[in-house]
Amino acid sequence: MHGQTTPLYINLLIFMLAVFLGLGLIRRVSKLLHTPLMSLTNAISSVSVVAALIVMAEPKNRMIMIFATIAVALAATNVISGFMITERILRMFRKDQGGDAK
């Protein structure tokens, strides 16, 4: 079994199931838990970025490279926007220092 690859349609099926499961779980989260959930998804996305970069390091075929590139782009976008949103939320809770609003 060593060296045998999984067919593309199986990988796409697993991907689609993961997307639906993730959406179902996130929709059921209370608004109160949004910020802790965001930090958790940032951590998961950073793992996804690293995993996709490892896959890209040893390209097997063109389709794998395309999917890995898309995965890096989407996960990196999620990480960056998560940090931007968290920073914005934290700014709302800071006290005004010196009277100058930013």
N, C-alpha and C. Protein backbone atom coordinates (compact mmCIF):
# COMPACT_ATOMS: atom_id res chain seq x y z
N MET A 1 0.80 -1.21 0.00
CA MET A 1 0.00 0.00 0.00
C MET A 1 0.84 1.27 0.00
N HIS A 2 2.13 1.13 0.23
CA HIS A 2 2.99 2.30 0.27
C HIS A 2 3.10 2.90 -1.13
N GLY A 3 2.95 4.23 -1.20
CA GLY A 3 3.06 4.91 -2.47
C GLY A 3 1.74 5.04 -3.21
N GLN A 4 0.68 4.45 -2.68
CA GLN A 4 -0.61 4.52 -3.32
C GLN A 4 -1.31 5.82 -2.89
N THR A 5 -1.93 6.52 -3.83
CA THR A 5 -2.58 7.78 -3.50
C THR A 5 -4.10 7.60 -3.51
N THR A 6 -4.76 8.46 -2.77
CA THR A 6 -6.22 8.44 -2.71
C THR A 6 -6.77 9.13 -3.96
N PRO A 7 -7.82 8.58 -4.56
CA PRO A 7 -8.40 9.24 -5.75
C PRO A 7 -8.91 10.64 -5.42
N LEU A 8 -8.90 11.50 -6.42
CA LEU A 8 -9.30 12.90 -6.24
C LEU A 8 -10.73 13.03 -5.75
N TYR A 9 -11.64 12.20 -6.24
CA TYR A 9 -13.04 12.34 -5.83
C TYR A 9 -13.22 12.01 -4.35
N ILE A 10 -12.42 11.13 -3.79
CA ILE A 10 -12.48 10.84 -2.35
C ILE A 10 -12.00 12.05 -1.56
N ASN A 11 -10.90 12.66 -2.01
CA ASN A 11 -10.39 13.86 -1.33
C ASN A 11 -11.39 15.01 -1.40
N LEU A 12 -12.05 15.19 -2.54
CA LEU A 12 -13.06 16.24 -2.66
C LEU A 12 -14.26 15.96 -1.77
N LEU A 13 -14.65 14.71 -1.66
CA LEU A 13 -15.77 14.33 -0.78
C LEU A 13 -15.43 14.64 0.68
N ILE A 14 -14.22 14.30 1.10
CA ILE A 14 -13.79 14.59 2.47
C ILE A 14 -13.77 16.10 2.70
N PHE A 15 -13.30 16.85 1.72
CA PHE A 15 -13.26 18.31 1.84
C PHE A 15 -14.66 18.88 1.98
N MET A 16 -15.60 18.42 1.15
CA MET A 16 -16.97 18.93 1.22
C MET A 16 -17.62 18.58 2.56
N LEU A 17 -17.41 17.39 3.05
CA LEU A 17 -17.96 17.01 4.35
C LEU A 17 -17.38 17.87 5.47
N ALA A 18 -16.08 18.15 5.40
CA ALA A 18 -15.44 19.00 6.41
C ALA A 18 -16.01 20.42 6.37
N VAL A 19 -16.27 20.94 5.18
CA VAL A 19 -16.84 22.29 5.06
C VAL A 19 -18.24 22.32 5.69
N PHE A 20 -19.08 21.36 5.36
CA PHE A 20 -20.44 21.35 5.91
C PHE A 20 -20.43 21.14 7.42
N LEU A 21 -19.57 20.28 7.91
CA LEU A 21 -19.46 20.06 9.35
C LEU A 21 -18.99 21.33 10.05
N GLY A 22 -17.98 21.98 9.50
CA GLY A 22 -17.47 23.22 10.09
C GLY A 22 -18.52 24.32 10.11
N LEU A 23 -19.26 24.49 9.02
CA LEU A 23 -20.31 25.50 8.98
C LEU A 23 -21.40 25.19 10.00
N GLY A 24 -21.77 23.92 10.11
CA GLY A 24 -22.79 23.53 11.07
C GLY A 24 -22.38 23.80 12.50
N LEU A 25 -21.12 23.54 12.81
CA LEU A 25 -20.64 23.77 14.17
C LEU A 25 -20.55 25.26 14.49
N ILE A 26 -20.04 26.04 13.57
CA ILE A 26 -19.85 27.47 13.83
C ILE A 26 -21.19 28.20 13.93
N ARG A 27 -22.18 27.79 13.17
CA ARG A 27 -23.50 28.45 13.24
C ARG A 27 -24.17 28.26 14.59
N ARG A 28 -23.84 27.20 15.30
CA ARG A 28 -24.48 26.91 16.58
C ARG A 28 -23.77 27.56 17.77
N VAL A 29 -22.71 28.31 17.53
CA VAL A 29 -21.96 28.94 18.61
C VAL A 29 -22.64 30.23 19.03
N SER A 30 -22.74 30.44 20.33
CA SER A 30 -23.34 31.66 20.88
C SER A 30 -22.51 32.88 20.50
N LYS A 31 -23.15 34.02 20.39
CA LYS A 31 -22.44 35.27 20.07
C LYS A 31 -21.45 35.63 21.17
N LEU A 32 -21.74 35.21 22.40
CA LEU A 32 -20.87 35.49 23.53
C LEU A 32 -19.52 34.80 23.37
N LEU A 33 -19.50 33.68 22.70
CA LEU A 33 -18.26 32.92 22.53
C LEU A 33 -17.53 33.24 21.23
N HIS A 34 -17.94 34.29 20.55
CA HIS A 34 -17.37 34.59 19.24
C HIS A 34 -15.87 34.83 19.29
N THR A 35 -15.39 35.65 20.23
CA THR A 35 -13.97 35.98 20.28
C THR A 35 -13.10 34.77 20.63
N PRO A 36 -13.47 33.95 21.65
CA PRO A 36 -12.66 32.74 21.88
C PRO A 36 -12.67 31.79 20.69
N LEU A 37 -13.82 31.70 20.02
CA LEU A 37 -13.90 30.83 18.84
C LEU A 37 -13.00 31.36 17.74
N MET A 38 -12.93 32.70 17.59
CA MET A 38 -12.09 33.28 16.55
C MET A 38 -10.62 32.97 16.81
N SER A 39 -10.20 33.02 18.07
CA SER A 39 -8.80 32.70 18.35
C SER A 39 -8.52 31.23 18.07
N LEU A 40 -9.50 30.37 18.33
CA LEU A 40 -9.33 28.95 18.03
C LEU A 40 -9.26 28.72 16.52
N THR A 41 -10.11 29.39 15.76
CA THR A 41 -10.06 29.21 14.30
C THR A 41 -8.78 29.80 13.71
N ASN A 42 -8.23 30.84 14.34
CA ASN A 42 -6.93 31.36 13.89
C ASN A 42 -5.85 30.31 14.08
N ALA A 43 -5.90 29.61 15.21
CA ALA A 43 -4.91 28.56 15.45
C ALA A 43 -5.07 27.42 14.45
N ILE A 44 -6.30 27.03 14.17
CA ILE A 44 -6.54 25.95 13.21
C ILE A 44 -6.11 26.39 11.81
N SER A 45 -6.39 27.63 11.46
CA SER A 45 -5.99 28.13 10.15
C SER A 45 -4.48 28.19 10.01
N SER A 46 -3.79 28.52 11.08
CA SER A 46 -2.33 28.56 10.99
C SER A 46 -1.77 27.15 10.78
N VAL A 47 -2.41 26.15 11.38
CA VAL A 47 -2.00 24.76 11.13
C VAL A 47 -2.28 24.40 9.67
N SER A 48 -3.39 24.87 9.14
CA SER A 48 -3.73 24.62 7.73
C SER A 48 -2.71 25.26 6.79
N VAL A 49 -2.26 26.45 7.13
CA VAL A 49 -1.25 27.11 6.30
C VAL A 49 0.04 26.29 6.28
N VAL A 50 0.47 25.85 7.45
CA VAL A 50 1.71 25.06 7.53
C VAL A 50 1.56 23.74 6.75
N ALA A 51 0.42 23.07 6.94
CA ALA A 51 0.19 21.80 6.24
C ALA A 51 0.17 21.99 4.72
N ALA A 52 -0.49 23.03 4.25
CA ALA A 52 -0.54 23.28 2.81
C ALA A 52 0.84 23.64 2.26
N LEU A 53 1.64 24.37 3.05
CA LEU A 53 3.00 24.68 2.60
C LEU A 53 3.86 23.42 2.53
N ILE A 54 3.65 22.50 3.45
CA ILE A 54 4.39 21.22 3.40
C ILE A 54 4.00 20.45 2.15
N VAL A 55 2.70 20.45 1.83
CA VAL A 55 2.24 19.76 0.61
C VAL A 55 2.84 20.43 -0.62
N MET A 56 2.92 21.75 -0.61
CA MET A 56 3.46 22.47 -1.76
C MET A 56 4.96 22.26 -1.93
N ALA A 57 5.65 21.86 -0.86
CA ALA A 57 7.10 21.69 -0.93
C ALA A 57 7.49 20.52 -1.84
N GLU A 58 6.62 19.54 -1.94
CA GLU A 58 6.90 18.38 -2.78
C GLU A 58 5.71 18.12 -3.70
N PRO A 59 5.61 18.91 -4.77
CA PRO A 59 4.43 18.80 -5.63
C PRO A 59 4.36 17.45 -6.35
N LYS A 60 3.21 16.84 -6.29
CA LYS A 60 3.00 15.55 -6.97
C LYS A 60 2.37 15.77 -8.35
N ASN A 61 1.38 16.65 -8.40
CA ASN A 61 0.78 16.98 -9.70
C ASN A 61 0.21 18.39 -9.63
N ARG A 62 -0.24 18.86 -10.75
CA ARG A 62 -0.72 20.24 -10.88
C ARG A 62 -1.96 20.51 -10.03
N MET A 63 -2.89 19.56 -9.96
CA MET A 63 -4.13 19.75 -9.21
C MET A 63 -3.83 19.91 -7.71
N ILE A 64 -2.90 19.12 -7.19
CA ILE A 64 -2.54 19.23 -5.78
C ILE A 64 -1.93 20.61 -5.51
N MET A 65 -1.11 21.09 -6.40
CA MET A 65 -0.51 22.43 -6.23
C MET A 65 -1.57 23.52 -6.24
N ILE A 66 -2.56 23.38 -7.12
CA ILE A 66 -3.64 24.37 -7.19
C ILE A 66 -4.43 24.39 -5.89
N PHE A 67 -4.83 23.21 -5.40
CA PHE A 67 -5.60 23.14 -4.15
C PHE A 67 -4.77 23.62 -2.96
N ALA A 68 -3.49 23.28 -2.92
CA ALA A 68 -2.63 23.72 -1.82
C ALA A 68 -2.47 25.24 -1.84
N THR A 69 -2.34 25.82 -3.02
CA THR A 69 -2.22 27.27 -3.14
C THR A 69 -3.49 27.96 -2.67
N ILE A 70 -4.64 27.42 -3.07
CA ILE A 70 -5.92 27.98 -2.61
C ILE A 70 -6.04 27.85 -1.10
N ALA A 71 -5.61 26.71 -0.55
CA ALA A 71 -5.68 26.50 0.90
C ALA A 71 -4.80 27.51 1.65
N VAL A 72 -3.61 27.76 1.14
CA VAL A 72 -2.72 28.74 1.77
C VAL A 72 -3.36 30.12 1.72
N ALA A 73 -3.89 30.50 0.57
CA ALA A 73 -4.49 31.83 0.42
C ALA A 73 -5.68 32.01 1.36
N LEU A 74 -6.58 31.04 1.39
CA LEU A 74 -7.77 31.17 2.23
C LEU A 74 -7.44 31.13 3.72
N ALA A 75 -6.57 30.22 4.12
CA ALA A 75 -6.22 30.13 5.53
C ALA A 75 -5.45 31.36 5.99
N ALA A 76 -4.54 31.85 5.16
CA ALA A 76 -3.79 33.06 5.52
C ALA A 76 -4.72 34.27 5.62
N THR A 77 -5.69 34.36 4.72
CA THR A 77 -6.67 35.44 4.79
C THR A 77 -7.46 35.35 6.09
N ASN A 78 -7.83 34.13 6.49
CA ASN A 78 -8.58 33.95 7.73
C ASN A 78 -7.75 34.35 8.94
N VAL A 79 -6.48 33.98 8.96
CA VAL A 79 -5.61 34.33 10.08
C VAL A 79 -5.43 35.84 10.17
N ILE A 80 -5.13 36.47 9.06
CA ILE A 80 -4.89 37.93 9.05
C ILE A 80 -6.15 38.68 9.44
N SER A 81 -7.30 38.30 8.86
CA SER A 81 -8.53 39.02 9.22
C SER A 81 -8.93 38.77 10.65
N GLY A 82 -8.66 37.57 11.16
CA GLY A 82 -8.97 37.28 12.57
C GLY A 82 -8.17 38.17 13.50
N PHE A 83 -6.89 38.36 13.19
CA PHE A 83 -6.08 39.26 14.02
C PHE A 83 -6.55 40.71 13.90
N MET A 84 -6.95 41.12 12.70
CA MET A 84 -7.43 42.49 12.52
C MET A 84 -8.73 42.72 13.30
N ILE A 85 -9.63 41.77 13.25
CA ILE A 85 -10.90 41.91 13.97
C ILE A 85 -10.66 41.89 15.48
N THR A 86 -9.77 41.00 15.94
CA THR A 86 -9.47 40.95 17.37
C THR A 86 -8.87 42.27 17.84
N GLU A 87 -7.97 42.84 17.05
CA GLU A 87 -7.39 44.14 17.39
C GLU A 87 -8.46 45.22 17.47
N ARG A 88 -9.40 45.19 16.55
CA ARG A 88 -10.48 46.18 16.55
C ARG A 88 -11.37 46.02 17.78
N ILE A 89 -11.66 44.78 18.16
CA ILE A 89 -12.46 44.54 19.36
C ILE A 89 -11.72 45.04 20.59
N LEU A 90 -10.42 44.76 20.67
CA LEU A 90 -9.64 45.20 21.83
C LEU A 90 -9.57 46.73 21.91
N ARG A 91 -9.51 47.40 20.76
CA ARG A 91 -9.50 48.87 20.77
C ARG A 91 -10.78 49.44 21.33
N MET A 92 -11.90 48.74 21.15
CA MET A 92 -13.17 49.24 21.68
C MET A 92 -13.18 49.23 23.21
N PHE A 93 -12.38 48.35 23.81
CA PHE A 93 -12.37 48.24 25.27
C PHE A 93 -11.28 49.08 25.93
N ARG A 94 -10.38 49.67 25.17
CA ARG A 94 -9.34 50.52 25.75
C ARG A 94 -9.94 51.85 26.16
N LYS A 95 -9.40 52.40 27.25
CA LYS A 95 -9.84 53.72 27.68
C LYS A 95 -9.15 54.77 26.84
N ASP A 96 -9.84 55.85 26.64
CA ASP A 96 -9.27 56.96 25.88
C ASP A 96 -8.11 57.58 26.67
N GLN A 97 -6.93 57.57 26.08
CA GLN A 97 -5.75 58.07 26.77
C GLN A 97 -5.35 59.42 26.19
N GLY A 98 -5.38 60.45 27.03
CA GLY A 98 -4.93 61.77 26.59
C GLY A 98 -5.96 62.51 25.78
N GLY A 99 -7.14 61.98 25.60
CA GLY A 99 -8.20 62.69 24.91
C GLY A 99 -8.15 62.62 23.41
N ASP A 100 -7.12 61.98 22.82
CA ASP A 100 -7.10 61.93 21.35
C ASP A 100 -7.68 60.61 20.88
N ALA A 101 -8.70 60.71 20.07
CA ALA A 101 -9.38 59.53 19.53
C ALA A 101 -8.69 59.13 18.23
N LYS A 102 -8.61 57.85 18.02
CA LYS A 102 -7.97 57.36 16.80
C LYS A 102 -8.97 56.80 15.85
